[in-house]
């Protein structure tokens, strides 16, 4: 809803256009995330844990 509020209050768009635009942005972000990181947040979490395990001594 903050994006809708921004579009309506700051840019003067109508509420229905702002709501549809918000859905378009969220859908685009989901598609982008699926293309860039197909294994999802679980893979990112595993990579972070692996890096932190060997962090002080990267051998």
C-alpha atoms as a PDB file:
ATOM      1  CA  UNK A   1       0.000   0.000   0.000  1.00  0.00           C
ATOM      2  CA  UNK A   2       2.824   2.508   0.482  1.00  0.00           C
ATOM      3  CA  UNK A   3       3.486   2.516  -3.253  1.00  0.00           C
ATOM      4  CA  UNK A   4      -0.185   3.170  -3.948  1.00  0.00           C
ATOM      5  CA  UNK A   5      -0.173   6.011  -1.439  1.00  0.00           C
ATOM      6  CA  UNK A   6       2.909   7.500  -3.067  1.00  0.00           C
ATOM      7  CA  UNK A   7       1.416   7.316  -6.551  1.00  0.00           C
ATOM      8  CA  UNK A   8      -1.923   8.761  -5.477  1.00  0.00           C
ATOM      9  CA  UNK A   9      -0.750  11.508  -3.121  1.00  0.00           C
ATOM     10  CA  UNK A  10       2.470  12.630  -4.804  1.00  0.00           C
ATOM     11  CA  UNK A  11       1.775  12.055  -8.488  1.00  0.00           C
ATOM     12  CA  UNK A  12      -1.969  12.588  -8.444  1.00  0.00           C
ATOM     13  CA  UNK A  13      -2.897   9.275 -10.087  1.00  0.00           C
ATOM     14  CA  UNK A  14      -6.319   7.763  -9.522  1.00  0.00           C
ATOM     15  CA  UNK A  15      -6.541   4.993  -6.932  1.00  0.00           C
ATOM     16  CA  UNK A  16      -7.481   2.216  -9.344  1.00  0.00           C
ATOM     17  CA  UNK A  17      -4.629   2.966 -11.756  1.00  0.00           C
ATOM     18  CA  UNK A  18      -2.152   3.103  -8.872  1.00  0.00           C
ATOM     19  CA  UNK A  19      -3.400  -0.245  -7.517  1.00  0.00           C
ATOM     20  CA  UNK A  20      -3.026  -1.913 -10.928  1.00  0.00           C
ATOM     21  CA  UNK A  21       0.422  -0.413 -11.368  1.00  0.00           C
ATOM     22  CA  UNK A  22       1.428  -1.806  -7.969  1.00  0.00           C
ATOM     23  CA  UNK A  23       0.350  -5.300  -9.114  1.00  0.00           C
ATOM     24  CA  UNK A  24       2.407  -4.892 -12.278  1.00  0.00           C
ATOM     25  CA  UNK A  25       5.509  -3.918 -10.273  1.00  0.00           C
ATOM     26  CA  UNK A  26       5.102  -6.807  -7.809  1.00  0.00           C
ATOM     27  CA  UNK A  27       4.590  -9.289 -10.659  1.00  0.00           C
ATOM     28  CA  UNK A  28       7.667  -7.962 -12.436  1.00  0.00           C
ATOM     29  CA  UNK A  29       9.727  -8.349  -9.280  1.00  0.00           C
ATOM     30  CA  UNK A  30       8.552 -11.938  -8.844  1.00  0.00           C
ATOM     31  CA  UNK A  31       9.450 -12.795 -12.442  1.00  0.00           C
ATOM     32  CA  UNK A  32      12.842 -11.090 -12.095  1.00  0.00           C
ATOM     33  CA  UNK A  33      13.589 -12.953  -8.863  1.00  0.00           C
ATOM     34  CA  UNK A  34      12.645 -16.313 -10.422  1.00  0.00           C
ATOM     35  CA  UNK A  35      14.958 -15.675 -13.367  1.00  0.00           C
ATOM     36  CA  UNK A  36      17.915 -14.401 -11.329  1.00  0.00           C
ATOM     37  CA  UNK A  37      17.691 -16.838  -8.411  1.00  0.00           C
ATOM     38  CA  UNK A  38      15.691 -19.945  -9.462  1.00  0.00           C
ATOM     39  CA  UNK A  39      16.538 -21.870  -6.260  1.00  0.00           C
ATOM     40  CA  UNK A  40      15.004 -19.159  -4.127  1.00  0.00           C
ATOM     41  CA  UNK A  41      15.817 -17.816  -0.711  1.00  0.00           C
ATOM     42  CA  UNK A  42      16.818 -21.249   0.622  1.00  0.00           C
ATOM     43  CA  UNK A  43      19.818 -21.332  -1.719  1.00  0.00           C
ATOM     44  CA  UNK A  44      20.814 -17.792  -0.750  1.00  0.00           C
ATOM     45  CA  UNK A  45      20.577 -18.745   2.939  1.00  0.00           C
ATOM     46  CA  UNK A  46      22.751 -21.842   2.381  1.00  0.00           C
ATOM     47  CA  UNK A  47      25.375 -19.779   0.550  1.00  0.00           C
ATOM     48  CA  UNK A  48      25.428 -17.213   3.348  1.00  0.00           C
ATOM     49  CA  UNK A  49      25.837 -19.912   6.005  1.00  0.00           C
ATOM     50  CA  UNK A  50      28.654 -21.518   4.009  1.00  0.00           C
ATOM     51  CA  UNK A  51      30.493 -18.210   3.632  1.00  0.00           C
ATOM     52  CA  UNK A  52      30.109 -17.374   7.326  1.00  0.00           C
ATOM     53  CA  UNK A  53      31.380 -20.797   8.365  1.00  0.00           C
ATOM     54  CA  UNK A  54      34.782 -20.226   6.734  1.00  0.00           C
ATOM     55  CA  UNK A  55      34.788 -16.438   7.029  1.00  0.00           C
ATOM     56  CA  UNK A  56      37.867 -15.638   9.143  1.00  0.00           C
ATOM     57  CA  UNK A  57      40.070 -18.169   7.310  1.00  0.00           C
ATOM     58  CA  UNK A  58      39.104 -18.460   3.635  1.00  0.00           C
ATOM     59  CA  UNK A  59      41.059 -21.585   2.685  1.00  0.00           C
END
